[in-house]
Amino acid sequence: MKVLDVVDSDPDITLWDPFPDIRPNRSYTPTAAWMPRDMAKRRLKLVPASGPRPTDLELQFNEFADAWERETRAQSFVHRRSMHPAYQRIIGLGPPAIGLILERMRRRPGHWFWALNAITGEDPAGGLTKPSVAREAWLQWGRARGYLSSRES
């Protein structure tokens, strides 16, 4: 998702507008104190973002996953990482989160096995001790059930 784009050499800045149908072709001049001075002097245009918009579930999942990864980065105990409130909230999202978890695990290896097992009741990585092998077992499981396309590695 593009959030901020500088259009060619034009000094205008294009911002992603989450509601393009409500405010077509609107523009405004920012006055927020947190903006860099050079940016605050420019005229900004709101335009629709290119590509599909994330769903509410995707936004919620990414918020929880980012918080979990950030706040447990230094934690070495899997049980403690899995008990983190954001991780538990991801599990609480239920089956709709399976594809999002698998996609995130495909892009960035992480300990998503506990959540996947809790949501699906399955464990294709059962007995595997190497995280990379367990990850691949879950990704194959996801491909076989249509959560991931077979072209993704």
N, C-alpha and C. Protein backbone atom coordinates (compact mmCIF):
# COMPACT_ATOMS: atom_id res chain seq x y z
N MET A 1 0.85 -1.16 0.00
CA MET A 1 0.00 0.00 0.00
C MET A 1 0.89 1.23 0.00
N LYS A 2 0.64 2.14 -0.91
CA LYS A 2 1.39 3.39 -0.94
C LYS A 2 0.72 4.37 0.01
N VAL A 3 1.49 4.90 0.91
CA VAL A 3 0.95 5.86 1.85
C VAL A 3 1.40 7.27 1.48
N LEU A 4 2.64 7.41 1.04
CA LEU A 4 3.16 8.72 0.70
C LEU A 4 3.97 8.59 -0.57
N ASP A 5 3.73 9.42 -1.55
CA ASP A 5 4.40 9.38 -2.84
C ASP A 5 4.77 10.78 -3.29
N VAL A 6 5.97 10.97 -3.78
CA VAL A 6 6.33 12.23 -4.42
C VAL A 6 6.16 12.01 -5.91
N VAL A 7 5.38 12.85 -6.54
CA VAL A 7 5.05 12.67 -7.95
C VAL A 7 6.12 13.33 -8.81
N ASP A 8 6.90 12.51 -9.53
CA ASP A 8 7.97 12.98 -10.42
C ASP A 8 8.78 14.10 -9.76
N SER A 9 9.04 15.17 -10.51
CA SER A 9 9.80 16.28 -9.95
C SER A 9 8.88 17.37 -9.42
N ASP A 10 7.58 17.13 -9.50
CA ASP A 10 6.60 18.08 -9.03
C ASP A 10 6.76 18.27 -7.52
N PRO A 11 6.76 19.49 -7.01
CA PRO A 11 6.91 19.69 -5.57
C PRO A 11 5.68 19.26 -4.77
N ASP A 12 4.55 19.01 -5.46
CA ASP A 12 3.37 18.54 -4.73
C ASP A 12 3.63 17.14 -4.22
N ILE A 13 2.99 16.80 -3.15
CA ILE A 13 3.09 15.46 -2.57
C ILE A 13 1.73 14.81 -2.66
N THR A 14 1.70 13.56 -3.07
CA THR A 14 0.46 12.83 -3.19
C THR A 14 0.32 11.93 -1.97
N LEU A 15 -0.80 12.04 -1.28
CA LEU A 15 -1.08 11.21 -0.12
C LEU A 15 -2.18 10.21 -0.45
N TRP A 16 -2.11 9.03 0.15
CA TRP A 16 -3.15 8.03 -0.02
C TRP A 16 -4.39 8.50 0.71
N ASP A 17 -5.51 8.48 0.02
CA ASP A 17 -6.79 8.87 0.63
C ASP A 17 -7.60 7.61 0.87
N PRO A 18 -7.89 7.28 2.13
CA PRO A 18 -8.65 6.07 2.41
C PRO A 18 -10.12 6.18 2.00
N PHE A 19 -10.59 7.38 1.67
CA PHE A 19 -11.98 7.57 1.30
C PHE A 19 -12.11 8.36 0.00
N PRO A 20 -11.58 7.85 -1.13
CA PRO A 20 -11.60 8.63 -2.37
C PRO A 20 -13.01 8.86 -2.91
N ASP A 21 -13.95 7.98 -2.57
CA ASP A 21 -15.31 8.13 -3.08
C ASP A 21 -16.04 9.28 -2.39
N ILE A 22 -15.64 9.58 -1.18
CA ILE A 22 -16.30 10.63 -0.41
C ILE A 22 -15.70 12.00 -0.75
N ARG A 23 -14.38 12.03 -0.95
CA ARG A 23 -13.70 13.30 -1.22
C ARG A 23 -12.90 13.22 -2.52
N PRO A 24 -13.53 13.13 -3.68
CA PRO A 24 -12.75 13.02 -4.91
C PRO A 24 -11.95 14.28 -5.20
N ASN A 25 -10.69 14.09 -5.55
CA ASN A 25 -9.79 15.16 -5.97
C ASN A 25 -9.70 16.32 -4.98
N ARG A 26 -9.77 16.05 -3.70
CA ARG A 26 -9.64 17.10 -2.69
C ARG A 26 -8.16 17.40 -2.48
N SER A 27 -7.85 18.59 -2.07
CA SER A 27 -6.49 18.93 -1.70
C SER A 27 -6.54 19.83 -0.48
N TYR A 28 -5.42 19.91 0.21
CA TYR A 28 -5.34 20.76 1.37
C TYR A 28 -3.89 21.12 1.64
N THR A 29 -3.69 22.12 2.44
CA THR A 29 -2.35 22.51 2.85
C THR A 29 -2.19 22.10 4.30
N PRO A 30 -1.20 21.26 4.60
CA PRO A 30 -1.02 20.80 5.98
C PRO A 30 -0.50 21.92 6.86
N THR A 31 -0.94 21.88 8.10
CA THR A 31 -0.47 22.87 9.07
C THR A 31 0.01 22.20 10.35
N ALA A 32 0.04 20.87 10.35
CA ALA A 32 0.43 20.14 11.56
C ALA A 32 1.86 20.47 11.97
N ALA A 33 2.07 20.67 13.25
CA ALA A 33 3.38 21.04 13.77
C ALA A 33 4.41 19.92 13.60
N TRP A 34 3.96 18.66 13.52
CA TRP A 34 4.89 17.55 13.41
C TRP A 34 5.47 17.39 12.02
N MET A 35 4.91 18.05 11.02
CA MET A 35 5.40 17.90 9.65
C MET A 35 6.67 18.72 9.44
N PRO A 36 7.58 18.21 8.60
CA PRO A 36 8.75 19.01 8.26
C PRO A 36 8.31 20.33 7.63
N ARG A 37 9.06 21.39 7.88
CA ARG A 37 8.66 22.71 7.39
C ARG A 37 8.50 22.75 5.87
N ASP A 38 9.44 22.13 5.16
CA ASP A 38 9.33 22.17 3.70
C ASP A 38 8.08 21.45 3.21
N MET A 39 7.67 20.42 3.93
CA MET A 39 6.47 19.69 3.54
C MET A 39 5.22 20.49 3.87
N ALA A 40 5.24 21.19 5.00
CA ALA A 40 4.07 21.95 5.43
C ALA A 40 3.79 23.13 4.50
N LYS A 41 4.78 23.58 3.74
CA LYS A 41 4.59 24.70 2.83
C LYS A 41 4.00 24.27 1.50
N ARG A 42 4.00 22.97 1.22
CA ARG A 42 3.53 22.48 -0.06
C ARG A 42 2.02 22.23 -0.06
N ARG A 43 1.47 22.30 -1.24
CA ARG A 43 0.06 21.97 -1.43
C ARG A 43 0.00 20.46 -1.63
N LEU A 44 -0.85 19.78 -0.89
CA LEU A 44 -0.95 18.32 -0.97
C LEU A 44 -2.23 17.92 -1.69
N LYS A 45 -2.15 16.82 -2.41
CA LYS A 45 -3.31 16.28 -3.10
C LYS A 45 -3.62 14.90 -2.55
N LEU A 46 -4.88 14.63 -2.28
CA LEU A 46 -5.31 13.30 -1.87
C LEU A 46 -5.77 12.55 -3.11
N VAL A 47 -5.21 11.37 -3.31
CA VAL A 47 -5.60 10.55 -4.46
C VAL A 47 -5.80 9.12 -3.98
N PRO A 48 -6.58 8.34 -4.73
CA PRO A 48 -6.76 6.93 -4.34
C PRO A 48 -5.42 6.19 -4.40
N ALA A 49 -5.21 5.30 -3.46
CA ALA A 49 -3.99 4.49 -3.46
C ALA A 49 -4.06 3.49 -4.61
N SER A 50 -2.91 3.17 -5.18
CA SER A 50 -2.89 2.17 -6.23
C SER A 50 -2.92 0.79 -5.57
N GLY A 51 -3.54 -0.14 -6.23
CA GLY A 51 -3.62 -1.50 -5.70
C GLY A 51 -4.80 -1.67 -4.76
N PRO A 52 -5.02 -2.91 -4.34
CA PRO A 52 -6.16 -3.18 -3.47
C PRO A 52 -5.96 -2.60 -2.08
N ARG A 53 -7.04 -2.17 -1.50
CA ARG A 53 -7.00 -1.65 -0.13
C ARG A 53 -7.00 -2.81 0.85
N PRO A 54 -6.28 -2.67 1.95
CA PRO A 54 -6.31 -3.75 2.94
C PRO A 54 -7.68 -3.79 3.62
N THR A 55 -8.09 -4.99 3.96
CA THR A 55 -9.35 -5.15 4.68
C THR A 55 -9.16 -4.80 6.14
N ASP A 56 -10.26 -4.65 6.86
CA ASP A 56 -10.17 -4.39 8.30
C ASP A 56 -9.42 -5.51 9.01
N LEU A 57 -9.67 -6.75 8.59
CA LEU A 57 -8.99 -7.89 9.19
C LEU A 57 -7.48 -7.80 8.96
N GLU A 58 -7.07 -7.45 7.74
CA GLU A 58 -5.64 -7.32 7.43
C GLU A 58 -5.00 -6.21 8.27
N LEU A 59 -5.68 -5.09 8.39
CA LEU A 59 -5.16 -3.99 9.19
C LEU A 59 -5.01 -4.40 10.65
N GLN A 60 -6.04 -5.05 11.17
CA GLN A 60 -6.01 -5.51 12.56
C GLN A 60 -4.90 -6.55 12.77
N PHE A 61 -4.82 -7.51 11.86
CA PHE A 61 -3.79 -8.55 11.96
C PHE A 61 -2.40 -7.92 11.94
N ASN A 62 -2.16 -7.03 10.98
CA ASN A 62 -0.83 -6.41 10.86
C ASN A 62 -0.47 -5.59 12.10
N GLU A 63 -1.46 -4.93 12.67
CA GLU A 63 -1.22 -4.16 13.90
C GLU A 63 -0.79 -5.09 15.03
N PHE A 64 -1.52 -6.19 15.20
CA PHE A 64 -1.19 -7.16 16.25
C PHE A 64 0.16 -7.82 15.98
N ALA A 65 0.39 -8.24 14.74
CA ALA A 65 1.63 -8.95 14.39
C ALA A 65 2.84 -8.04 14.55
N ASP A 66 2.73 -6.79 14.12
CA ASP A 66 3.84 -5.84 14.28
C ASP A 66 4.16 -5.62 15.76
N ALA A 67 3.11 -5.46 16.56
CA ALA A 67 3.31 -5.25 18.00
C ALA A 67 3.96 -6.48 18.62
N TRP A 68 3.47 -7.66 18.27
CA TRP A 68 4.01 -8.90 18.82
C TRP A 68 5.49 -9.04 18.45
N GLU A 69 5.82 -8.85 17.18
CA GLU A 69 7.22 -8.99 16.75
C GLU A 69 8.11 -7.95 17.43
N ARG A 70 7.64 -6.72 17.51
CA ARG A 70 8.42 -5.64 18.11
C ARG A 70 8.63 -5.89 19.61
N GLU A 71 7.59 -6.28 20.32
CA GLU A 71 7.65 -6.38 21.77
C GLU A 71 8.23 -7.69 22.29
N THR A 72 8.37 -8.69 21.42
CA THR A 72 8.94 -9.98 21.87
C THR A 72 10.24 -10.30 21.15
N ARG A 73 10.78 -9.34 20.43
CA ARG A 73 12.00 -9.56 19.65
C ARG A 73 13.12 -10.16 20.49
N ALA A 74 13.30 -9.69 21.70
CA ALA A 74 14.40 -10.15 22.55
C ALA A 74 14.01 -11.34 23.43
N GLN A 75 12.78 -11.78 23.35
CA GLN A 75 12.30 -12.88 24.19
C GLN A 75 12.68 -14.22 23.56
N SER A 76 13.37 -15.07 24.30
CA SER A 76 13.82 -16.35 23.74
C SER A 76 12.90 -17.51 24.10
N PHE A 77 12.05 -17.35 25.10
CA PHE A 77 11.17 -18.44 25.50
C PHE A 77 9.90 -18.43 24.65
N VAL A 78 9.69 -19.50 23.91
CA VAL A 78 8.54 -19.60 23.00
C VAL A 78 7.23 -19.47 23.76
N HIS A 79 7.15 -20.07 24.94
CA HIS A 79 5.91 -20.00 25.71
C HIS A 79 5.56 -18.56 26.08
N ARG A 80 6.55 -17.79 26.47
CA ARG A 80 6.30 -16.38 26.81
C ARG A 80 5.90 -15.58 25.58
N ARG A 81 6.57 -15.84 24.46
CA ARG A 81 6.23 -15.13 23.23
C ARG A 81 4.80 -15.46 22.81
N SER A 82 4.42 -16.70 22.96
CA SER A 82 3.09 -17.15 22.55
C SER A 82 1.98 -16.66 23.48
N MET A 83 2.34 -16.27 24.68
CA MET A 83 1.36 -15.76 25.63
C MET A 83 1.20 -14.24 25.55
N HIS A 84 1.97 -13.60 24.70
CA HIS A 84 1.88 -12.14 24.54
C HIS A 84 0.45 -11.78 24.12
N PRO A 85 -0.11 -10.70 24.67
CA PRO A 85 -1.50 -10.33 24.36
C PRO A 85 -1.79 -10.15 22.86
N ALA A 86 -0.86 -9.57 22.11
CA ALA A 86 -1.09 -9.38 20.68
C ALA A 86 -1.16 -10.72 19.95
N TYR A 87 -0.32 -11.68 20.34
CA TYR A 87 -0.32 -13.01 19.74
C TYR A 87 -1.64 -13.71 20.05
N GLN A 88 -2.09 -13.56 21.29
CA GLN A 88 -3.37 -14.16 21.68
C GLN A 88 -4.54 -13.51 20.91
N ARG A 89 -4.44 -12.23 20.64
CA ARG A 89 -5.49 -11.56 19.85
C ARG A 89 -5.50 -12.10 18.43
N ILE A 90 -4.33 -12.41 17.88
CA ILE A 90 -4.25 -12.99 16.54
C ILE A 90 -4.94 -14.34 16.53
N ILE A 91 -4.68 -15.15 17.54
CA ILE A 91 -5.36 -16.45 17.65
C ILE A 91 -6.87 -16.23 17.73
N GLY A 92 -7.27 -15.19 18.46
CA GLY A 92 -8.69 -14.87 18.60
C GLY A 92 -9.36 -14.45 17.30
N LEU A 93 -8.58 -14.05 16.31
CA LEU A 93 -9.18 -13.71 15.00
C LEU A 93 -9.74 -14.95 14.32
N GLY A 94 -9.24 -16.12 14.69
CA GLY A 94 -9.78 -17.38 14.20
C GLY A 94 -9.38 -17.72 12.77
N PRO A 95 -10.14 -18.64 12.15
CA PRO A 95 -9.81 -19.13 10.81
C PRO A 95 -9.57 -18.06 9.73
N PRO A 96 -10.26 -16.91 9.76
CA PRO A 96 -9.96 -15.91 8.73
C PRO A 96 -8.51 -15.42 8.74
N ALA A 97 -7.81 -15.61 9.85
CA ALA A 97 -6.42 -15.15 9.96
C ALA A 97 -5.41 -16.15 9.42
N ILE A 98 -5.83 -17.36 9.10
CA ILE A 98 -4.88 -18.40 8.69
C ILE A 98 -4.07 -17.97 7.47
N GLY A 99 -4.72 -17.47 6.45
CA GLY A 99 -4.00 -17.05 5.25
C GLY A 99 -3.04 -15.91 5.53
N LEU A 100 -3.43 -14.98 6.40
CA LEU A 100 -2.57 -13.85 6.75
C LEU A 100 -1.34 -14.32 7.52
N ILE A 101 -1.53 -15.26 8.42
CA ILE A 101 -0.41 -15.80 9.19
C ILE A 101 0.56 -16.52 8.25
N LEU A 102 0.01 -17.37 7.37
CA LEU A 102 0.87 -18.12 6.45
C LEU A 102 1.63 -17.18 5.50
N GLU A 103 0.95 -16.15 5.02
CA GLU A 103 1.61 -15.19 4.13
C GLU A 103 2.73 -14.47 4.87
N ARG A 104 2.48 -14.07 6.09
CA ARG A 104 3.52 -13.39 6.88
C ARG A 104 4.68 -14.34 7.15
N MET A 105 4.36 -15.59 7.47
CA MET A 105 5.40 -16.58 7.74
C MET A 105 6.21 -16.86 6.47
N ARG A 106 5.56 -16.82 5.33
CA ARG A 106 6.26 -17.03 4.06
C ARG A 106 7.26 -15.90 3.81
N ARG A 107 6.84 -14.66 4.07
CA ARG A 107 7.70 -13.50 3.83
C ARG A 107 8.78 -13.33 4.90
N ARG A 108 8.40 -13.55 6.17
CA ARG A 108 9.32 -13.36 7.29
C ARG A 108 9.17 -14.51 8.26
N PRO A 109 10.15 -15.38 8.31
CA PRO A 109 10.05 -16.49 9.26
C PRO A 109 9.84 -15.98 10.69
N GLY A 110 8.99 -16.66 11.39
CA GLY A 110 8.69 -16.31 12.78
C GLY A 110 7.96 -17.48 13.41
N HIS A 111 7.81 -17.45 14.71
CA HIS A 111 7.16 -18.56 15.40
C HIS A 111 5.63 -18.41 15.36
N TRP A 112 5.07 -18.81 14.25
CA TRP A 112 3.61 -18.76 14.07
C TRP A 112 2.98 -20.14 14.27
N PHE A 113 3.80 -21.14 14.60
CA PHE A 113 3.31 -22.52 14.69
C PHE A 113 2.24 -22.69 15.76
N TRP A 114 2.45 -22.08 16.91
CA TRP A 114 1.51 -22.19 18.03
C TRP A 114 0.14 -21.63 17.61
N ALA A 115 0.14 -20.46 16.99
CA ALA A 115 -1.12 -19.83 16.56
C ALA A 115 -1.81 -20.69 15.50
N LEU A 116 -1.05 -21.16 14.53
CA LEU A 116 -1.65 -21.99 13.48
C LEU A 116 -2.25 -23.27 14.06
N ASN A 117 -1.54 -23.89 14.97
CA ASN A 117 -2.05 -25.11 15.61
C ASN A 117 -3.29 -24.82 16.43
N ALA A 118 -3.30 -23.70 17.15
CA ALA A 118 -4.45 -23.34 17.97
C ALA A 118 -5.69 -23.07 17.12
N ILE A 119 -5.50 -22.42 15.98
CA ILE A 119 -6.64 -22.07 15.12
C ILE A 119 -7.13 -23.26 14.32
N THR A 120 -6.19 -24.04 13.76
CA THR A 120 -6.58 -25.13 12.85
C THR A 120 -6.82 -26.47 13.54
N GLY A 121 -6.18 -26.67 14.69
CA GLY A 121 -6.27 -27.98 15.35
C GLY A 121 -5.40 -29.02 14.67
N GLU A 122 -4.57 -28.58 13.74
CA GLU A 122 -3.68 -29.49 13.01
C GLU A 122 -2.24 -29.13 13.32
N ASP A 123 -1.33 -30.10 13.03
CA ASP A 123 0.09 -29.85 13.24
C ASP A 123 0.91 -30.59 12.21
N PRO A 124 1.00 -30.04 10.98
CA PRO A 124 1.79 -30.71 9.96
C PRO A 124 3.28 -30.74 10.27
N ALA A 125 3.71 -29.94 11.24
CA ALA A 125 5.12 -29.90 11.63
C ALA A 125 5.39 -30.72 12.88
N GLY A 126 4.44 -31.52 13.31
CA GLY A 126 4.59 -32.32 14.52
C GLY A 126 5.83 -33.18 14.48
N GLY A 127 6.65 -33.08 15.51
CA GLY A 127 7.86 -33.88 15.61
C GLY A 127 9.07 -33.27 14.91
N LEU A 128 8.87 -32.24 14.13
CA LEU A 128 10.00 -31.60 13.45
C LEU A 128 10.68 -30.64 14.43
N THR A 129 12.00 -30.68 14.47
CA THR A 129 12.71 -29.86 15.45
C THR A 129 13.36 -28.61 14.84
N LYS A 130 13.61 -28.60 13.55
CA LYS A 130 14.22 -27.43 12.93
C LYS A 130 13.12 -26.46 12.50
N PRO A 131 13.18 -25.21 12.96
CA PRO A 131 12.15 -24.23 12.59
C PRO A 131 11.98 -24.06 11.08
N SER A 132 13.06 -24.11 10.32
CA SER A 132 12.95 -23.93 8.88
C SER A 132 12.18 -25.08 8.22
N VAL A 133 12.35 -26.28 8.74
CA VAL A 133 11.63 -27.45 8.20
C VAL A 133 10.16 -27.38 8.62
N ALA A 134 9.91 -26.97 9.86
CA ALA A 134 8.53 -26.83 10.35
C ALA A 134 7.81 -25.75 9.55
N ARG A 135 8.50 -24.65 9.28
CA ARG A 135 7.93 -23.56 8.48
C ARG A 135 7.52 -24.07 7.10
N GLU A 136 8.40 -24.82 6.47
CA GLU A 136 8.09 -25.35 5.13
C GLU A 136 6.92 -26.33 5.18
N ALA A 137 6.82 -27.11 6.25
CA ALA A 137 5.68 -28.03 6.39
C ALA A 137 4.37 -27.26 6.48
N TRP A 138 4.35 -26.17 7.24
CA TRP A 138 3.14 -25.35 7.33
C TRP A 138 2.83 -24.66 6.01
N LEU A 139 3.85 -24.19 5.31
CA LEU A 139 3.61 -23.53 4.02
C LEU A 139 3.05 -24.53 3.01
N GLN A 140 3.56 -25.76 3.01
CA GLN A 140 3.01 -26.79 2.13
C GLN A 140 1.57 -27.10 2.52
N TRP A 141 1.30 -27.16 3.79
CA TRP A 141 -0.07 -27.37 4.28
C TRP A 141 -0.98 -26.26 3.75
N GLY A 142 -0.51 -25.02 3.83
CA GLY A 142 -1.29 -23.88 3.36
C GLY A 142 -1.53 -23.91 1.85
N ARG A 143 -0.53 -24.31 1.10
CA ARG A 143 -0.69 -24.42 -0.36
C ARG A 143 -1.70 -25.51 -0.71
N ALA A 144 -1.62 -26.63 0.00
CA ALA A 144 -2.52 -27.76 -0.28
C ALA A 144 -3.98 -27.40 0.02
N ARG A 145 -4.21 -26.47 0.91
CA ARG A 145 -5.57 -26.07 1.28
C ARG A 145 -6.01 -24.74 0.68
N GLY A 146 -5.18 -24.19 -0.20
CA GLY A 146 -5.57 -22.98 -0.93
C GLY A 146 -5.34 -21.67 -0.19
N TYR A 147 -4.63 -21.69 0.92
CA TYR A 147 -4.34 -20.44 1.63
C TYR A 147 -3.21 -19.67 0.97
N LEU A 148 -2.32 -20.38 0.27
CA LEU A 148 -1.21 -19.78 -0.46
C LEU A 148 -1.23 -20.34 -1.88
N SER A 149 -0.83 -19.54 -2.84
CA SER A 149 -0.75 -20.08 -4.21
C SER A 149 0.48 -20.95 -4.32
N SER A 150 0.46 -21.89 -5.22
CA SER A 150 1.57 -22.83 -5.37
C SER A 150 2.80 -22.15 -5.96
N ARG A 151 2.64 -20.96 -6.55
CA ARG A 151 3.78 -20.25 -7.13
C ARG A 151 4.61 -19.56 -6.07
N GLU A 152 4.03 -19.28 -4.91
CA GLU A 152 4.76 -18.59 -3.84
C GLU A 152 5.72 -19.56 -3.14
N SER A 153 6.88 -19.06 -2.81
CA SER A 153 7.84 -19.94 -2.11
C SER A 153 8.03 -19.49 -0.69
